[in-house]
PDB file of all heavy atoms in Angstrom:
ATOM      1  N   ASP A   1     -15.000 -17.287  -3.898  1.00  0.00           N
ATOM      2  CA  ASP A   1     -14.261 -17.003  -2.669  1.00  0.00           C
ATOM      3  C   ASP A   1     -12.792 -16.738  -2.971  1.00  0.00           C
ATOM      4  O   ASP A   1     -12.178 -15.836  -2.388  1.00  0.00           O
ATOM      5  CB  ASP A   1     -14.393 -18.157  -1.682  1.00  0.00           C
ATOM      6  CG  ASP A   1     -15.782 -18.264  -1.091  1.00  0.00           C
ATOM      7  OD1 ASP A   1     -16.546 -17.269  -1.183  1.00  0.00           O
ATOM      8  OD2 ASP A   1     -16.113 -19.340  -0.552  1.00  0.00           O
ATOM      9  N   SER A   2     -12.229 -17.504  -3.880  1.00  0.00           N
ATOM     10  CA  SER A   2     -10.839 -17.308  -4.268  1.00  0.00           C
ATOM     11  C   SER A   2     -10.642 -15.945  -4.925  1.00  0.00           C
ATOM     12  O   SER A   2      -9.666 -15.248  -4.641  1.00  0.00           O
ATOM     13  CB  SER A   2     -10.404 -18.416  -5.224  1.00  0.00           C
ATOM     14  OG  SER A   2      -9.119 -18.174  -5.711  1.00  0.00           O
ATOM     15  N   GLN A   3     -11.572 -15.561  -5.783  1.00  0.00           N
ATOM     16  CA  GLN A   3     -11.476 -14.268  -6.443  1.00  0.00           C
ATOM     17  C   GLN A   3     -11.603 -13.130  -5.431  1.00  0.00           C
ATOM     18  O   GLN A   3     -10.869 -12.143  -5.505  1.00  0.00           O
ATOM     19  CB  GLN A   3     -12.552 -14.141  -7.517  1.00  0.00           C
ATOM     20  CG  GLN A   3     -12.305 -15.010  -8.719  1.00  0.00           C
ATOM     21  CD  GLN A   3     -13.457 -14.990  -9.697  1.00  0.00           C
ATOM     22  OE1 GLN A   3     -14.508 -14.423  -9.439  1.00  0.00           O
ATOM     23  NE2 GLN A   3     -13.264 -15.642 -10.841  1.00  0.00           N
ATOM     24  N   ARG A   4     -12.522 -13.268  -4.495  1.00  0.00           N
ATOM     25  CA  ARG A   4     -12.678 -12.241  -3.458  1.00  0.00           C
ATOM     26  C   ARG A   4     -11.410 -12.111  -2.627  1.00  0.00           C
ATOM     27  O   ARG A   4     -10.988 -11.006  -2.283  1.00  0.00           O
ATOM     28  CB  ARG A   4     -13.853 -12.579  -2.547  1.00  0.00           C
ATOM     29  CG  ARG A   4     -15.182 -12.269  -3.142  1.00  0.00           C
ATOM     30  CD  ARG A   4     -16.279 -12.372  -2.087  1.00  0.00           C
ATOM     31  NE  ARG A   4     -17.572 -12.246  -2.719  1.00  0.00           N
ATOM     32  CZ  ARG A   4     -18.514 -13.166  -2.707  1.00  0.00           C
ATOM     33  NH1 ARG A   4     -18.325 -14.298  -2.059  1.00  0.00           N
ATOM     34  NH2 ARG A   4     -19.665 -12.973  -3.323  1.00  0.00           N
ATOM     35  N   ARG A   5     -10.819 -13.244  -2.290  1.00  0.00           N
ATOM     36  CA  ARG A   5      -9.588 -13.246  -1.503  1.00  0.00           C
ATOM     37  C   ARG A   5      -8.464 -12.555  -2.275  1.00  0.00           C
ATOM     38  O   ARG A   5      -7.721 -11.744  -1.720  1.00  0.00           O
ATOM     39  CB  ARG A   5      -9.215 -14.682  -1.143  1.00  0.00           C
ATOM     40  CG  ARG A   5      -8.145 -14.802  -0.120  1.00  0.00           C
ATOM     41  CD  ARG A   5      -7.934 -16.228   0.384  1.00  0.00           C
ATOM     42  NE  ARG A   5      -8.204 -17.282  -0.587  1.00  0.00           N
ATOM     43  CZ  ARG A   5      -9.296 -18.073  -0.574  1.00  0.00           C
ATOM     44  NH1 ARG A   5     -10.219 -17.911   0.342  1.00  0.00           N
ATOM     45  NH2 ARG A   5      -9.463 -19.016  -1.475  1.00  0.00           N
ATOM     46  N   GLN A   6      -8.364 -12.847  -3.579  1.00  0.00           N
ATOM     47  CA  GLN A   6      -7.343 -12.213  -4.406  1.00  0.00           C
ATOM     48  C   GLN A   6      -7.561 -10.711  -4.518  1.00  0.00           C
ATOM     49  O   GLN A   6      -6.611  -9.929  -4.428  1.00  0.00           O
ATOM     50  CB  GLN A   6      -7.333 -12.841  -5.799  1.00  0.00           C
ATOM     51  CG  GLN A   6      -6.789 -14.242  -5.837  1.00  0.00           C
ATOM     52  CD  GLN A   6      -6.941 -14.868  -7.223  1.00  0.00           C
ATOM     53  OE1 GLN A   6      -7.717 -14.407  -8.044  1.00  0.00           O
ATOM     54  NE2 GLN A   6      -6.177 -15.917  -7.465  1.00  0.00           N
ATOM     55  N   LEU A   7      -8.816 -10.296  -4.700  1.00  0.00           N
ATOM     56  CA  LEU A   7      -9.123  -8.868  -4.802  1.00  0.00           C
ATOM     57  C   LEU A   7      -8.838  -8.149  -3.488  1.00  0.00           C
ATOM     58  O   LEU A   7      -8.309  -7.032  -3.485  1.00  0.00           O
ATOM     59  CB  LEU A   7     -10.574  -8.665  -5.214  1.00  0.00           C
ATOM     60  CG  LEU A   7     -10.924  -9.044  -6.651  1.00  0.00           C
ATOM     61  CD1 LEU A   7     -12.419  -8.929  -6.880  1.00  0.00           C
ATOM     62  CD2 LEU A   7     -10.157  -8.178  -7.624  1.00  0.00           C
ATOM     63  N   ARG A   8      -9.181  -8.778  -2.376  1.00  0.00           N
ATOM     64  CA  ARG A   8      -8.918  -8.176  -1.074  1.00  0.00           C
ATOM     65  C   ARG A   8      -7.419  -8.017  -0.856  1.00  0.00           C
ATOM     66  O   ARG A   8      -6.944  -6.971  -0.403  1.00  0.00           O
ATOM     67  CB  ARG A   8      -9.527  -9.031   0.031  1.00  0.00           C
ATOM     68  CG  ARG A   8      -9.486  -8.396   1.397  1.00  0.00           C
ATOM     69  CD  ARG A   8     -10.137  -9.250   2.498  1.00  0.00           C
ATOM     70  NE  ARG A   8     -11.358  -9.927   2.071  1.00  0.00           N
ATOM     71  CZ  ARG A   8     -11.495 -11.248   1.970  1.00  0.00           C
ATOM     72  NH1 ARG A   8     -10.497 -12.049   2.280  1.00  0.00           N
ATOM     73  NH2 ARG A   8     -12.635 -11.781   1.588  1.00  0.00           N
ATOM     74  N   GLN A   9      -6.661  -9.053  -1.196  1.00  0.00           N
ATOM     75  CA  GLN A   9      -5.216  -9.004  -1.027  1.00  0.00           C
ATOM     76  C   GLN A   9      -4.599  -7.919  -1.911  1.00  0.00           C
ATOM     77  O   GLN A   9      -3.747  -7.152  -1.456  1.00  0.00           O
ATOM     78  CB  GLN A   9      -4.610 -10.363  -1.359  1.00  0.00           C
ATOM     79  CG  GLN A   9      -3.121 -10.439  -1.120  1.00  0.00           C
ATOM     80  CD  GLN A   9      -2.557 -11.811  -1.458  1.00  0.00           C
ATOM     81  OE1 GLN A   9      -3.159 -12.563  -2.212  1.00  0.00           O
ATOM     82  NE2 GLN A   9      -1.410 -12.124  -0.912  1.00  0.00           N
ATOM     83  N   ALA A  10      -5.039  -7.825  -3.151  1.00  0.00           N
ATOM     84  CA  ALA A  10      -4.510  -6.804  -4.054  1.00  0.00           C
ATOM     85  C   ALA A  10      -4.872  -5.406  -3.561  1.00  0.00           C
ATOM     86  O   ALA A  10      -4.054  -4.481  -3.652  1.00  0.00           O
ATOM     87  CB  ALA A  10      -5.031  -7.025  -5.468  1.00  0.00           C
ATOM     88  N   SER A  11      -6.070  -5.241  -3.029  1.00  0.00           N
ATOM     89  CA  SER A  11      -6.478  -3.935  -2.507  1.00  0.00           C
ATOM     90  C   SER A  11      -5.637  -3.540  -1.299  1.00  0.00           C
ATOM     91  O   SER A  11      -5.237  -2.377  -1.163  1.00  0.00           O
ATOM     92  CB  SER A  11      -7.950  -3.960  -2.116  1.00  0.00           C
ATOM     93  OG  SER A  11      -8.752  -4.220  -3.237  1.00  0.00           O
ATOM     94  N   ILE A  12      -5.379  -4.482  -0.432  1.00  0.00           N
ATOM     95  CA  ILE A  12      -4.550  -4.206   0.742  1.00  0.00           C
ATOM     96  C   ILE A  12      -3.133  -3.843   0.318  1.00  0.00           C
ATOM     97  O   ILE A  12      -2.540  -2.889   0.843  1.00  0.00           O
ATOM     98  CB  ILE A  12      -4.565  -5.401   1.716  1.00  0.00           C
ATOM     99  CG1 ILE A  12      -5.942  -5.530   2.360  1.00  0.00           C
ATOM    100  CG2 ILE A  12      -3.478  -5.267   2.776  1.00  0.00           C
ATOM    101  CD1 ILE A  12      -6.148  -6.812   3.140  1.00  0.00           C
ATOM    102  N   VAL A  13      -2.589  -4.572  -0.647  1.00  0.00           N
ATOM    103  CA  VAL A  13      -1.243  -4.280  -1.138  1.00  0.00           C
ATOM    104  C   VAL A  13      -1.192  -2.875  -1.728  1.00  0.00           C
ATOM    105  O   VAL A  13      -0.248  -2.115  -1.474  1.00  0.00           O
ATOM    106  CB  VAL A  13      -0.791  -5.335  -2.174  1.00  0.00           C
ATOM    107  CG1 VAL A  13       0.446  -4.867  -2.933  1.00  0.00           C
ATOM    108  CG2 VAL A  13      -0.517  -6.660  -1.486  1.00  0.00           C
ATOM    109  N   MET A  14      -2.211  -2.485  -2.492  1.00  0.00           N
ATOM    110  CA  MET A  14      -2.231  -1.148  -3.066  1.00  0.00           C
ATOM    111  C   MET A  14      -2.292  -0.078  -1.979  1.00  0.00           C
ATOM    112  O   MET A  14      -1.580   0.932  -2.047  1.00  0.00           O
ATOM    113  CB  MET A  14      -3.415  -0.990  -4.019  1.00  0.00           C
ATOM    114  CG  MET A  14      -3.203  -1.644  -5.345  1.00  0.00           C
ATOM    115  SD  MET A  14      -4.543  -1.327  -6.484  1.00  0.00           S
ATOM    116  CE  MET A  14      -4.270   0.393  -6.827  1.00  0.00           C
ATOM    117  N   GLY A  15      -3.136  -0.272  -0.998  1.00  0.00           N
ATOM    118  CA  GLY A  15      -3.259   0.706   0.078  1.00  0.00           C
ATOM    119  C   GLY A  15      -1.986   0.847   0.890  1.00  0.00           C
ATOM    120  O   GLY A  15      -1.525   1.963   1.161  1.00  0.00           O
ATOM    121  N   VAL A  16      -1.407  -0.279   1.265  1.00  0.00           N
ATOM    122  CA  VAL A  16      -0.173  -0.251   2.050  1.00  0.00           C
ATOM    123  C   VAL A  16       0.963   0.353   1.234  1.00  0.00           C
ATOM    124  O   VAL A  16       1.756   1.156   1.749  1.00  0.00           O
ATOM    125  CB  VAL A  16       0.179  -1.668   2.555  1.00  0.00           C
ATOM    126  CG1 VAL A  16       1.580  -1.720   3.139  1.00  0.00           C
ATOM    127  CG2 VAL A  16      -0.843  -2.136   3.575  1.00  0.00           C
ATOM    128  N   ALA A  17       1.051   0.001  -0.035  1.00  0.00           N
ATOM    129  CA  ALA A  17       2.103   0.547  -0.895  1.00  0.00           C
ATOM    130  C   ALA A  17       1.974   2.063  -1.017  1.00  0.00           C
ATOM    131  O   ALA A  17       2.974   2.785  -0.941  1.00  0.00           O
ATOM    132  CB  ALA A  17       2.050  -0.100  -2.269  1.00  0.00           C
ATOM    133  N   ALA A  18       0.758   2.558  -1.174  1.00  0.00           N
ATOM    134  CA  ALA A  18       0.556   4.003  -1.307  1.00  0.00           C
ATOM    135  C   ALA A  18       0.946   4.724  -0.020  1.00  0.00           C
ATOM    136  O   ALA A  18       1.629   5.754  -0.063  1.00  0.00           O
ATOM    137  CB  ALA A  18      -0.898   4.292  -1.663  1.00  0.00           C
ATOM    138  N   VAL A  19       0.534   4.189   1.128  1.00  0.00           N
ATOM    139  CA  VAL A  19       0.857   4.832   2.404  1.00  0.00           C
ATOM    140  C   VAL A  19       2.365   4.813   2.655  1.00  0.00           C
ATOM    141  O   VAL A  19       2.963   5.832   3.038  1.00  0.00           O
ATOM    142  CB  VAL A  19       0.086   4.153   3.559  1.00  0.00           C
ATOM    143  CG1 VAL A  19       0.604   4.598   4.910  1.00  0.00           C
ATOM    144  CG2 VAL A  19      -1.399   4.432   3.430  1.00  0.00           C
ATOM    145  N   LEU A  20       2.992   3.668   2.420  1.00  0.00           N
ATOM    146  CA  LEU A  20       4.434   3.584   2.636  1.00  0.00           C
ATOM    147  C   LEU A  20       5.205   4.457   1.650  1.00  0.00           C
ATOM    148  O   LEU A  20       6.220   5.067   2.009  1.00  0.00           O
ATOM    149  CB  LEU A  20       4.900   2.128   2.530  1.00  0.00           C
ATOM    150  CG  LEU A  20       4.478   1.204   3.652  1.00  0.00           C
ATOM    151  CD1 LEU A  20       4.958  -0.220   3.378  1.00  0.00           C
ATOM    152  CD2 LEU A  20       4.988   1.699   4.987  1.00  0.00           C
ATOM    153  N   TRP A  21       4.732   4.521   0.426  1.00  0.00           N
ATOM    154  CA  TRP A  21       5.390   5.320  -0.602  1.00  0.00           C
ATOM    155  C   TRP A  21       5.350   6.805  -0.230  1.00  0.00           C
ATOM    156  O   TRP A  21       6.379   7.475  -0.183  1.00  0.00           O
ATOM    157  CB  TRP A  21       4.720   5.056  -1.946  1.00  0.00           C
ATOM    158  CG  TRP A  21       5.253   5.800  -3.115  1.00  0.00           C
ATOM    159  CD1 TRP A  21       6.563   6.030  -3.426  1.00  0.00           C
ATOM    160  CD2 TRP A  21       4.486   6.383  -4.164  1.00  0.00           C
ATOM    161  NE1 TRP A  21       6.638   6.722  -4.595  1.00  0.00           N
ATOM    162  CE2 TRP A  21       5.388   6.949  -5.074  1.00  0.00           C
ATOM    163  CE3 TRP A  21       3.125   6.471  -4.417  1.00  0.00           C
ATOM    164  CZ2 TRP A  21       4.964   7.607  -6.221  1.00  0.00           C
ATOM    165  CZ3 TRP A  21       2.713   7.104  -5.572  1.00  0.00           C
ATOM    166  CH2 TRP A  21       3.624   7.663  -6.458  1.00  0.00           C
ATOM    167  N   LEU A  22       4.156   7.306   0.052  1.00  0.00           N
ATOM    168  CA  LEU A  22       4.018   8.721   0.390  1.00  0.00           C
ATOM    169  C   LEU A  22       4.695   9.050   1.729  1.00  0.00           C
ATOM    170  O   LEU A  22       5.366  10.083   1.863  1.00  0.00           O
ATOM    171  CB  LEU A  22       2.552   9.114   0.417  1.00  0.00           C
ATOM    172  CG  LEU A  22       1.842   9.039  -0.942  1.00  0.00           C
ATOM    173  CD1 LEU A  22       0.354   9.315  -0.768  1.00  0.00           C
ATOM    174  CD2 LEU A  22       2.466  10.005  -1.919  1.00  0.00           C
ATOM    175  N   GLY A  23       4.524   8.173   2.692  1.00  0.00           N
ATOM    176  CA  GLY A  23       5.178   8.392   3.980  1.00  0.00           C
ATOM    177  C   GLY A  23       6.689   8.345   3.881  1.00  0.00           C
ATOM    178  O   GLY A  23       7.392   9.162   4.496  1.00  0.00           O
ATOM    179  N   GLY A  24       7.185   7.416   3.113  1.00  0.00           N
ATOM    180  CA  GLY A  24       8.634   7.311   2.934  1.00  0.00           C
ATOM    181  C   GLY A  24       9.219   8.508   2.210  1.00  0.00           C
ATOM    182  O   GLY A  24      10.302   8.989   2.560  1.00  0.00           O
ATOM    183  N   LEU A  25       8.501   9.007   1.213  1.00  0.00           N
ATOM    184  CA  LEU A  25       8.987  10.189   0.499  1.00  0.00           C
ATOM    185  C   LEU A  25       8.964  11.422   1.401  1.00  0.00           C
ATOM    186  O   LEU A  25       9.894  12.235   1.390  1.00  0.00           O
ATOM    187  CB  LEU A  25       8.150  10.438  -0.756  1.00  0.00           C
ATOM    188  CG  LEU A  25       8.330   9.416  -1.874  1.00  0.00           C
ATOM    189  CD1 LEU A  25       7.411   9.742  -3.047  1.00  0.00           C
ATOM    190  CD2 LEU A  25       9.768   9.350  -2.335  1.00  0.00           C
ATOM    191  N   ALA A  26       7.913  11.570   2.190  1.00  0.00           N
ATOM    192  CA  ALA A  26       7.839  12.707   3.113  1.00  0.00           C
ATOM    193  C   ALA A  26       8.935  12.616   4.171  1.00  0.00           C
ATOM    194  O   ALA A  26       9.603  13.618   4.469  1.00  0.00           O
ATOM    195  CB  ALA A  26       6.465  12.759   3.762  1.00  0.00           C
ATOM    196  N   LEU A  27       9.128  11.436   4.720  1.00  0.00           N
ATOM    197  CA  LEU A  27      10.155  11.245   5.740  1.00  0.00           C
ATOM    198  C   LEU A  27      11.547  11.444   5.144  1.00  0.00           C
ATOM    199  O   LEU A  27      12.408  12.065   5.767  1.00  0.00           O
ATOM    200  CB  LEU A  27      10.025   9.852   6.352  1.00  0.00           C
ATOM    201  CG  LEU A  27      10.961   9.519   7.510  1.00  0.00           C
ATOM    202  CD1 LEU A  27      10.677  10.451   8.681  1.00  0.00           C
ATOM    203  CD2 LEU A  27      10.775   8.078   7.919  1.00  0.00           C
ATOM    204  N   GLY A  28      11.747  10.927   3.957  1.00  0.00           N
ATOM    205  CA  GLY A  28      13.049  11.095   3.305  1.00  0.00           C
ATOM    206  C   GLY A  28      13.364  12.546   3.014  1.00  0.00           C
ATOM    207  O   GLY A  28      14.511  12.983   3.135  1.00  0.00           O
ATOM    208  N   GLY A  29      12.341  13.318   2.638  1.00  0.00           N
ATOM    209  CA  GLY A  29      12.554  14.739   2.401  1.00  0.00           C
ATOM    210  C   GLY A  29      12.898  15.492   3.679  1.00  0.00           C
ATOM    211  O   GLY A  29      13.744  16.380   3.683  1.00  0.00           O
ATOM    212  N   ARG A  30      12.242  15.138   4.768  1.00  0.00           N
ATOM    213  CA  ARG A  30      12.525  15.805   6.050  1.00  0.00           C
ATOM    214  C   ARG A  30      13.901  15.448   6.592  1.00  0.00           C
ATOM    215  O   ARG A  30      14.561  16.269   7.218  1.00  0.00           O
ATOM    216  CB  ARG A  30      11.476  15.437   7.081  1.00  0.00           C
ATOM    217  CG  ARG A  30      10.166  16.137   6.873  1.00  0.00           C
ATOM    218  CD  ARG A  30       9.232  15.801   8.014  1.00  0.00           C
ATOM    219  NE  ARG A  30       7.965  16.436   7.783  1.00  0.00           N
ATOM    220  CZ  ARG A  30       7.461  17.366   8.580  1.00  0.00           C
ATOM    221  NH1 ARG A  30       8.120  17.728   9.660  1.00  0.00           N
ATOM    222  NH2 ARG A  30       6.307  17.912   8.304  1.00  0.00           N
ATOM    223  N   LEU A  31      14.307  14.193   6.373  1.00  0.00           N
ATOM    224  CA  LEU A  31      15.607  13.757   6.895  1.00  0.00           C
ATOM    225  C   LEU A  31      16.751  14.074   5.949  1.00  0.00           C
ATOM    226  O   LEU A  31      17.920  13.873   6.299  1.00  0.00           O
ATOM    227  CB  LEU A  31      15.579  12.246   7.169  1.00  0.00           C
ATOM    228  CG  LEU A  31      14.603  11.777   8.244  1.00  0.00           C
ATOM    229  CD1 LEU A  31      14.636  10.263   8.360  1.00  0.00           C
ATOM    230  CD2 LEU A  31      14.932  12.424   9.581  1.00  0.00           C
TER     231      LEU A  31
END
């Protein structure tokens, strides 16, 4: 259960980081 929780958390962090990274770069380029 601990390993699953860690994997889920790491997956969420990767997904959020990718979305924020790409979105931030696109927004920064437009602004």
